[in-house]
Each structure stands twice: as structure tokens, then as C-alpha cells.
Amino acid sequence: MDDALPTQPQPEMTPFNLEHFARQLLAETLFYDEEYGALGNLSLIDPEAGRERYIASYLPDDGLFTIDEALDWEDGPAPGEEDDIGYRLAIDSEEYGTYELPEEAAQVLLQLANEQGLLPSITLLFEEDELI
């Protein structure tokens, strides 16, 4: 008599997809918590220039996700001063695109990062914080 337990069919595992993983992570970064007025903000940073290139967030009043392209940046730290965040923040930008779904914005962000060699930086903002 065979004492082995009957085998259950195993669900087919899909192979890990790094691009899908990154896109999902970017999409979930662009969150909005209405109760706390908290917004997930994602910047794409040019590591060579040391400055923001694109800024993505959710616009609660419009119900849309937006990506802005930086046009001008704050001055860098004075010689001998430390830089708290490691890159210069944008002080002026223009709309690059708006999207109804965070996955759409995430796809564009992933494409921009891949094409231009940009790195992500995540910031938690609150509605009373001023967005550029």
C-alpha cells in the first residue's frame, strides 16, 4: 500500500519579470491617501548632472497622474556645505504628460529612466506642501 499523499496540481508560476516588477513599484509609489492628505512623489534623477529631470505625482483635484519635466534647478550647495539629498531640486517645470492610471505614468517613467539613464527618488508629500 502506498502511503504517499495524493499530489495537488501546482499552479503554474510565471517567470519573474524585472520590468513588470519595476513598473508595479513605480505605479504604487504614486499613491494618494485622502485621510492624511499624503502623496507619493517620484523624481527621476540625472546622476551625472546631480539634478531632478522629471517629477511624477497624483493631482487629487484633477484625479490624474502627472509627469513634469524640470526646466530650472535650485543652486547647488556652497563650497564646503553638505548636500542633504544628493541632487538639486527643480524650481521650474512644464507638464510632460498626464495619465488616468498610475500604471500608465509608471510605464512612461520606466521608459524615460531607461532611455536617459535616470535613477528614482521617492518623497512623501502632504497636500499643504507646495508642488512646483
C-alpha atoms as a PDB file:
ATOM      1  CA  MET A   1       0.000   0.000   0.000  1.00  0.00           C
ATOM      2  CA  ASP A   2       1.325   3.413  -0.948  1.00  0.00           C
ATOM      3  CA  ASP A   3       1.270   5.881   1.978  1.00  0.00           C
ATOM      4  CA  ALA A   4       2.111   8.878  -0.188  1.00  0.00           C
ATOM      5  CA  LEU A   5      -0.374  11.705  -0.139  1.00  0.00           C
ATOM      6  CA  PRO A   6      -2.096  12.462  -3.417  1.00  0.00           C
ATOM      7  CA  THR A   7      -0.374  15.302  -5.193  1.00  0.00           C
ATOM      8  CA  GLN A   8      -2.238  18.507  -5.786  1.00  0.00           C
ATOM      9  CA  PRO A   9      -1.842  20.181  -9.140  1.00  0.00           C
ATOM     10  CA  GLN A  10       0.625  23.032  -8.694  1.00  0.00           C
ATOM     11  CA  PRO A  11      -0.348  26.443 -10.081  1.00  0.00           C
ATOM     12  CA  GLU A  12       1.844  27.415 -12.964  1.00  0.00           C
ATOM     13  CA  MET A  13       4.319  30.037 -11.838  1.00  0.00           C
ATOM     14  CA  THR A  14       5.003  32.825 -14.253  1.00  0.00           C
ATOM     15  CA  PRO A  15       8.668  33.699 -14.567  1.00  0.00           C
ATOM     16  CA  PHE A  16       9.893  36.761 -12.713  1.00  0.00           C
ATOM     17  CA  ASN A  17       9.820  39.824 -14.941  1.00  0.00           C
ATOM     18  CA  LEU A  18      12.044  42.665 -13.741  1.00  0.00           C
ATOM     19  CA  GLU A  19      10.369  45.260 -15.975  1.00  0.00           C
ATOM     20  CA  HIS A  20       6.902  44.330 -14.681  1.00  0.00           C
ATOM     21  CA  PHE A  21       8.226  44.431 -11.106  1.00  0.00           C
ATOM     22  CA  ALA A  22       9.747  47.906 -11.598  1.00  0.00           C
ATOM     23  CA  ARG A  23       6.622  49.231 -13.328  1.00  0.00           C
ATOM     24  CA  GLN A  24       4.413  47.963 -10.468  1.00  0.00           C
ATOM     25  CA  LEU A  25       6.714  49.519  -7.875  1.00  0.00           C
ATOM     26  CA  LEU A  26       6.678  52.870  -9.675  1.00  0.00           C
ATOM     27  CA  ALA A  27       2.876  52.777 -10.011  1.00  0.00           C
ATOM     28  CA  GLU A  28       2.421  52.065  -6.300  1.00  0.00           C
ATOM     29  CA  THR A  29       4.755  54.950  -5.439  1.00  0.00           C
ATOM     30  CA  LEU A  30       2.261  57.386  -6.989  1.00  0.00           C
ATOM     31  CA  PHE A  31      -0.293  56.930  -4.225  1.00  0.00           C
ATOM     32  CA  TYR A  32      -2.720  59.304  -2.566  1.00  0.00           C
ATOM     33  CA  ASP A  33      -4.060  58.848   0.969  1.00  0.00           C
ATOM     34  CA  GLU A  34      -7.089  61.115   1.276  1.00  0.00           C
ATOM     35  CA  GLU A  35      -7.376  60.700   5.049  1.00  0.00           C
ATOM     36  CA  TYR A  36      -3.890  62.085   5.699  1.00  0.00           C
ATOM     37  CA  GLY A  37      -3.508  64.135   2.529  1.00  0.00           C
ATOM     38  CA  ALA A  38      -0.345  62.157   1.804  1.00  0.00           C
ATOM     39  CA  LEU A  39       1.023  61.916  -1.723  1.00  0.00           C
ATOM     40  CA  GLY A  40       3.728  59.674  -3.090  1.00  0.00           C
ATOM     41  CA  ASN A  41       6.034  61.727  -5.306  1.00  0.00           C
ATOM     42  CA  LEU A  42       8.643  60.185  -7.580  1.00  0.00           C
ATOM     43  CA  SER A  43      11.542  62.060  -9.130  1.00  0.00           C
ATOM     44  CA  LEU A  44      13.813  60.759 -11.836  1.00  0.00           C
ATOM     45  CA  ILE A  45      17.328  61.986 -11.141  1.00  0.00           C
ATOM     46  CA  ASP A  46      20.149  62.537 -13.599  1.00  0.00           C
ATOM     47  CA  PRO A  47      23.081  61.130 -11.590  1.00  0.00           C
ATOM     48  CA  GLU A  48      25.728  62.770 -13.794  1.00  0.00           C
ATOM     49  CA  ALA A  49      24.212  66.269 -13.572  1.00  0.00           C
ATOM     50  CA  GLY A  50      23.057  65.724  -9.970  1.00  0.00           C
ATOM     51  CA  ARG A  51      19.557  67.134 -10.506  1.00  0.00           C
ATOM     52  CA  GLU A  52      15.913  66.212 -10.944  1.00  0.00           C
ATOM     53  CA  ARG A  53      14.827  65.664 -14.537  1.00  0.00           C
ATOM     54  CA  TYR A  54      11.193  64.517 -14.117  1.00  0.00           C
ATOM     55  CA  ILE A  55       8.751  64.734 -11.230  1.00  0.00           C
ATOM     56  CA  ALA A  56       5.676  62.499 -11.049  1.00  0.00           C
ATOM     57  CA  SER A  57       2.746  62.657  -8.660  1.00  0.00           C
ATOM     58  CA  TYR A  58      -1.009  62.384  -8.303  1.00  0.00           C
ATOM     59  CA  LEU A  59      -3.182  65.501  -8.607  1.00  0.00           C
ATOM     60  CA  PRO A  60      -6.126  64.930  -6.222  1.00  0.00           C
ATOM     61  CA  ASP A  61      -8.147  67.897  -7.527  1.00  0.00           C
ATOM     62  CA  ASP A  62      -7.942  66.601 -11.113  1.00  0.00           C
ATOM     63  CA  GLY A  63      -7.921  62.873 -10.396  1.00  0.00           C
ATOM     64  CA  LEU A  64      -4.936  62.475 -12.728  1.00  0.00           C
ATOM     65  CA  PHE A  65      -1.321  61.407 -12.524  1.00  0.00           C
ATOM     66  CA  THR A  66       1.180  63.873 -13.888  1.00  0.00           C
ATOM     67  CA  ILE A  67       4.780  63.898 -15.004  1.00  0.00           C
ATOM     68  CA  ASP A  68       6.562  67.252 -15.193  1.00  0.00           C
ATOM     69  CA  GLU A  69       9.888  67.879 -16.894  1.00  0.00           C
ATOM     70  CA  ALA A  70      12.297  70.104 -14.965  1.00  0.00           C
ATOM     71  CA  LEU A  71      13.392  73.336 -16.652  1.00  0.00           C
ATOM     72  CA  ASP A  72      15.384  75.092 -13.918  1.00  0.00           C
ATOM     73  CA  TRP A  73      17.002  73.985 -10.665  1.00  0.00           C
ATOM     74  CA  GLU A  74      17.935  75.408  -7.303  1.00  0.00           C
ATOM     75  CA  ASP A  75      21.526  76.450  -6.815  1.00  0.00           C
ATOM     76  CA  GLY A  76      23.863  73.728  -5.613  1.00  0.00           C
ATOM     77  CA  PRO A  77      25.354  73.791  -2.135  1.00  0.00           C
ATOM     78  CA  ALA A  78      28.050  76.347  -1.455  1.00  0.00           C
ATOM     79  CA  PRO A  79      31.601  75.024  -1.430  1.00  0.00           C
ATOM     80  CA  GLY A  80      32.210  73.175   1.827  1.00  0.00           C
ATOM     81  CA  GLU A  81      28.479  72.692   2.543  1.00  0.00           C
ATOM     82  CA  GLU A  82      26.893  69.271   2.567  1.00  0.00           C
ATOM     83  CA  ASP A  83      24.036  68.452   0.224  1.00  0.00           C
ATOM     84  CA  ASP A  84      21.210  66.910   2.263  1.00  0.00           C
ATOM     85  CA  ILE A  85      19.549  64.964  -0.552  1.00  0.00           C
ATOM     86  CA  GLY A  86      22.351  64.486  -3.051  1.00  0.00           C
ATOM     87  CA  TYR A  87      20.806  66.289  -6.028  1.00  0.00           C
ATOM     88  CA  ARG A  88      19.414  69.688  -6.968  1.00  0.00           C
ATOM     89  CA  LEU A  89      15.654  70.087  -6.861  1.00  0.00           C
ATOM     90  CA  ALA A  90      13.708  71.551  -9.754  1.00  0.00           C
ATOM     91  CA  ILE A  91      12.313  75.032  -9.169  1.00  0.00           C
ATOM     92  CA  ASP A  92      10.528  75.286 -12.516  1.00  0.00           C
ATOM     93  CA  SER A  93       8.974  72.669 -14.754  1.00  0.00           C
ATOM     94  CA  GLU A  94       6.487  72.096 -17.533  1.00  0.00           C
ATOM     95  CA  GLU A  95       3.942  69.361 -17.963  1.00  0.00           C
ATOM     96  CA  TYR A  96       5.348  66.365 -19.794  1.00  0.00           C
ATOM     97  CA  GLY A  97       2.122  64.355 -19.653  1.00  0.00           C
ATOM     98  CA  THR A  98      -0.983  63.446 -17.665  1.00  0.00           C
ATOM     99  CA  TYR A  99      -2.361  59.946 -17.194  1.00  0.00           C
ATOM    100  CA  GLU A 100      -5.563  58.464 -15.860  1.00  0.00           C
ATOM    101  CA  LEU A 101      -3.914  55.404 -14.324  1.00  0.00           C
ATOM    102  CA  PRO A 102      -0.738  55.113 -12.249  1.00  0.00           C
ATOM    103  CA  GLU A 103       0.370  52.192 -14.431  1.00  0.00           C
ATOM    104  CA  GLU A 104       0.356  54.477 -17.475  1.00  0.00           C
ATOM    105  CA  ALA A 105       2.545  57.044 -15.713  1.00  0.00           C
ATOM    106  CA  ALA A 106       4.796  54.255 -14.414  1.00  0.00           C
ATOM    107  CA  GLN A 107       5.329  52.935 -17.940  1.00  0.00           C
ATOM    108  CA  VAL A 108       6.400  56.390 -19.147  1.00  0.00           C
ATOM    109  CA  LEU A 109       8.680  56.852 -16.122  1.00  0.00           C
ATOM    110  CA  LEU A 110      10.321  53.489 -16.712  1.00  0.00           C
ATOM    111  CA  GLN A 111      10.864  54.325 -20.363  1.00  0.00           C
ATOM    112  CA  LEU A 112      12.373  57.743 -19.544  1.00  0.00           C
ATOM    113  CA  ALA A 113      14.651  56.218 -16.897  1.00  0.00           C
ATOM    114  CA  ASN A 114      15.807  53.512 -19.285  1.00  0.00           C
ATOM    115  CA  GLU A 115      16.411  55.845 -22.238  1.00  0.00           C
ATOM    116  CA  GLN A 116      18.199  58.562 -20.240  1.00  0.00           C
ATOM    117  CA  GLY A 117      19.952  56.573 -17.510  1.00  0.00           C
ATOM    118  CA  LEU A 118      17.934  58.185 -14.704  1.00  0.00           C
ATOM    119  CA  LEU A 119      17.528  56.968 -11.124  1.00  0.00           C
ATOM    120  CA  PRO A 120      14.387  57.132  -8.935  1.00  0.00           C
ATOM    121  CA  SER A 121      13.982  59.116  -5.745  1.00  0.00           C
ATOM    122  CA  ILE A 122      10.816  58.860  -3.676  1.00  0.00           C
ATOM    123  CA  THR A 123       9.420  61.622  -1.467  1.00  0.00           C
ATOM    124  CA  LEU A 124       6.356  61.650   0.760  1.00  0.00           C
ATOM    125  CA  LEU A 125       4.472  64.939   0.411  1.00  0.00           C
ATOM    126  CA  PHE A 126       1.388  66.293   2.077  1.00  0.00           C
ATOM    127  CA  GLU A 127      -1.296  68.303   0.299  1.00  0.00           C
ATOM    128  CA  GLU A 128      -0.294  71.502   2.079  1.00  0.00           C
ATOM    129  CA  ASP A 129       3.264  71.134   0.677  1.00  0.00           C
ATOM    130  CA  GLU A 130       3.800  73.219  -2.435  1.00  0.00           C
ATOM    131  CA  LEU A 131       4.417  71.284  -5.623  1.00  0.00           C
ATOM    132  CA  ILE A 132       6.394  73.021  -8.363  1.00  0.00           C
END
